[in-house]
C-alpha atoms as a PDB file:
ATOM      1  CA  MET A   1      13.633 -21.380  11.991  1.00  0.00           C
ATOM      2  CA  VAL A   2      14.456 -17.753  12.304  1.00  0.00           C
ATOM      3  CA  LEU A   3      12.556 -15.160  14.296  1.00  0.00           C
ATOM      4  CA  ALA A   4      13.576 -11.510  13.979  1.00  0.00           C
ATOM      5  CA  ARG A   5      11.858  -8.653  15.426  1.00  0.00           C
ATOM      6  CA  ILE A   6      12.446  -5.496  13.940  1.00  0.00           C
ATOM      7  CA  ASP A   7      11.275  -2.253  16.072  1.00  0.00           C
ATOM      8  CA  ARG A   8       9.078   0.264  14.828  1.00  0.00           C
ATOM      9  CA  GLU A   9      11.516   2.990  15.691  1.00  0.00           C
ATOM     10  CA  GLU A  10      12.858   3.677  12.491  1.00  0.00           C
ATOM     11  CA  PRO A  11      10.452   2.316   9.592  1.00  0.00           C
ATOM     12  CA  HIS A  12      12.778   2.886   6.841  1.00  0.00           C
ATOM     13  CA  TYR A  13      15.607   0.129   8.290  1.00  0.00           C
ATOM     14  CA  SER A  14      12.671  -2.147   9.379  1.00  0.00           C
ATOM     15  CA  SER A  15      11.772  -2.258   5.961  1.00  0.00           C
ATOM     16  CA  ARG A  16      15.334  -2.794   4.643  1.00  0.00           C
ATOM     17  CA  ALA A  17      16.045  -5.441   7.322  1.00  0.00           C
ATOM     18  CA  ALA A  18      12.792  -7.157   6.372  1.00  0.00           C
ATOM     19  CA  GLU A  19      13.576  -6.986   2.551  1.00  0.00           C
ATOM     20  CA  ASP A  20      17.016  -8.429   3.344  1.00  0.00           C
ATOM     21  CA  LEU A  21      15.555 -11.318   5.045  1.00  0.00           C
ATOM     22  CA  ALA A  22      13.077 -12.240   2.200  1.00  0.00           C
ATOM     23  CA  HIS A  23      15.977 -11.766  -0.397  1.00  0.00           C
ATOM     24  CA  HIS A  24      17.376 -14.819   1.682  1.00  0.00           C
ATOM     25  CA  ASN A  25      14.588 -16.883   1.301  1.00  0.00           C
ATOM     26  CA  HIS A  26      13.388 -16.392   4.993  1.00  0.00           C
ATOM     27  CA  THR A  27       9.691 -16.117   5.376  1.00  0.00           C
ATOM     28  CA  VAL A  28       8.786 -12.326   6.516  1.00  0.00           C
ATOM     29  CA  THR A  29       5.807 -10.943   7.846  1.00  0.00           C
ATOM     30  CA  VAL A  30       5.161  -7.108   8.415  1.00  0.00           C
ATOM     31  CA  ALA A  31       2.520  -6.310  10.869  1.00  0.00           C
ATOM     32  CA  PRO A  32      -0.130  -3.634   9.265  1.00  0.00           C
ATOM     33  CA  ALA A  33       0.880  -1.004  11.817  1.00  0.00           C
ATOM     34  CA  LEU A  34       4.598  -1.377  10.893  1.00  0.00           C
ATOM     35  CA  GLN A  35       3.756  -1.354   7.240  1.00  0.00           C
ATOM     36  CA  GLU A  36       1.534   1.641   7.732  1.00  0.00           C
ATOM     37  CA  GLU A  37       4.525   3.335   9.215  1.00  0.00           C
ATOM     38  CA  ILE A  38       6.957   2.644   6.573  1.00  0.00           C
ATOM     39  CA  ASP A  39       4.544   3.490   3.988  1.00  0.00           C
ATOM     40  CA  THR A  40       4.133   7.035   5.669  1.00  0.00           C
ATOM     41  CA  GLU A  41       5.908   9.938   4.498  1.00  0.00           C
ATOM     42  CA  TRP A  42       7.764  12.005   7.117  1.00  0.00           C
ATOM     43  CA  THR A  43       9.862  15.287   8.009  1.00  0.00           C
ATOM     44  CA  TRP A  44      11.600  16.447  10.956  1.00  0.00           C
ATOM     45  CA  ALA A  45      10.573  19.464  12.364  1.00  0.00           C
ATOM     46  CA  ASN A  46      12.802  22.425  12.497  1.00  0.00           C
ATOM     47  CA  TYR A  47      15.559  20.218  10.581  1.00  0.00           C
ATOM     48  CA  PRO A  48      18.590  22.503   9.892  1.00  0.00           C
ATOM     49  CA  MET A  49      18.880  21.187   6.096  1.00  0.00           C
ATOM     50  CA  PRO A  50      15.322  21.143   4.732  1.00  0.00           C
ATOM     51  CA  TRP A  51      16.773  20.906   1.186  1.00  0.00           C
ATOM     52  CA  LEU A  52      17.997  17.296   1.808  1.00  0.00           C
ATOM     53  CA  THR A  53      16.081  14.332   0.593  1.00  0.00           C
ATOM     54  CA  ARG A  54      14.823  11.600   3.354  1.00  0.00           C
ATOM     55  CA  ASP A  55      17.838   9.517   1.943  1.00  0.00           C
ATOM     56  CA  GLU A  56      20.104  12.305   2.485  1.00  0.00           C
ATOM     57  CA  VAL A  57      18.752  12.806   5.858  1.00  0.00           C
ATOM     58  CA  ARG A  58      19.459   9.425   6.627  1.00  0.00           C
ATOM     59  CA  GLU A  59      22.892   9.569   5.418  1.00  0.00           C
ATOM     60  CA  VAL A  60      23.620  12.591   7.500  1.00  0.00           C
ATOM     61  CA  GLY A  61      22.139  11.069  10.648  1.00  0.00           C
ATOM     62  CA  ALA A  62      24.075   7.736  10.012  1.00  0.00           C
ATOM     63  CA  ALA A  63      27.252   9.633   9.616  1.00  0.00           C
ATOM     64  CA  ALA A  64      26.539  11.913  12.933  1.00  0.00           C
ATOM     65  CA  GLN A  65      26.026   8.419  14.604  1.00  0.00           C
ATOM     66  CA  ALA A  66      29.246   6.866  13.348  1.00  0.00           C
ATOM     67  CA  ILE A  67      31.394   9.871  14.688  1.00  0.00           C
ATOM     68  CA  HIS A  68      29.251   9.749  18.057  1.00  0.00           C
ATOM     69  CA  ASP A  69      30.161   5.944  18.492  1.00  0.00           C
ATOM     70  CA  ASP A  70      33.659   6.559  17.634  1.00  0.00           C
ATOM     71  CA  ILE A  71      34.252   9.591  19.946  1.00  0.00           C
ATOM     72  CA  THR A  72      32.386   7.521  22.962  1.00  0.00           C
ATOM     73  CA  ALA A  73      34.330   4.207  21.951  1.00  0.00           C
ATOM     74  CA  GLY A  74      37.549   6.273  22.318  1.00  0.00           C
ATOM     75  CA  HIS A  75      38.387   5.586  18.391  1.00  0.00           C
ATOM     76  CA  LEU A  76      38.038   9.302  17.568  1.00  0.00           C
ATOM     77  CA  THR A  77      39.445  12.265  19.365  1.00  0.00           C
ATOM     78  CA  ILE A  78      38.489  15.864  18.147  1.00  0.00           C
ATOM     79  CA  HIS A  79      41.169  18.638  18.961  1.00  0.00           C
ATOM     80  CA  LEU A  80      40.867  22.103  19.112  1.00  0.00           C
ATOM     81  CA  PHE A  81      43.421  24.565  19.609  1.00  0.00           C
ATOM     82  CA  LEU A  82      41.870  27.808  21.061  1.00  0.00           C
ATOM     83  CA  GLY A  83      45.005  29.563  20.238  1.00  0.00           C
ATOM     84  CA  GLN A  84      44.094  29.252  16.539  1.00  0.00           C
ATOM     85  CA  PHE A  85      41.262  31.920  17.183  1.00  0.00           C
ATOM     86  CA  ARG A  86      41.082  35.530  18.423  1.00  0.00           C
ATOM     87  CA  SER A  87      38.007  36.698  20.088  1.00  0.00           C
ATOM     88  CA  VAL A  88      37.129  40.202  19.118  1.00  0.00           C
ATOM     89  CA  SER A  89      36.075  42.411  21.745  1.00  0.00           C
END
């Protein structure tokens, strides 16, 4: 028996997880409230790249999260050499 709780925070990933579980022959029940969230179209207010599709927005978000995770884990260091830039007075 497997019991998996999939949070409502990101309906897209909840749907993908449920589909993957079902694909591997697990019985999956999606609560009506979660299914409604999965089926709801959404946009991010004031998103700086409105030309992106929903999947592209998720790709950008996932890439940004991966960079953040690498920085916090000490796997990625970003160096900025201020000497390369000149201020204009």
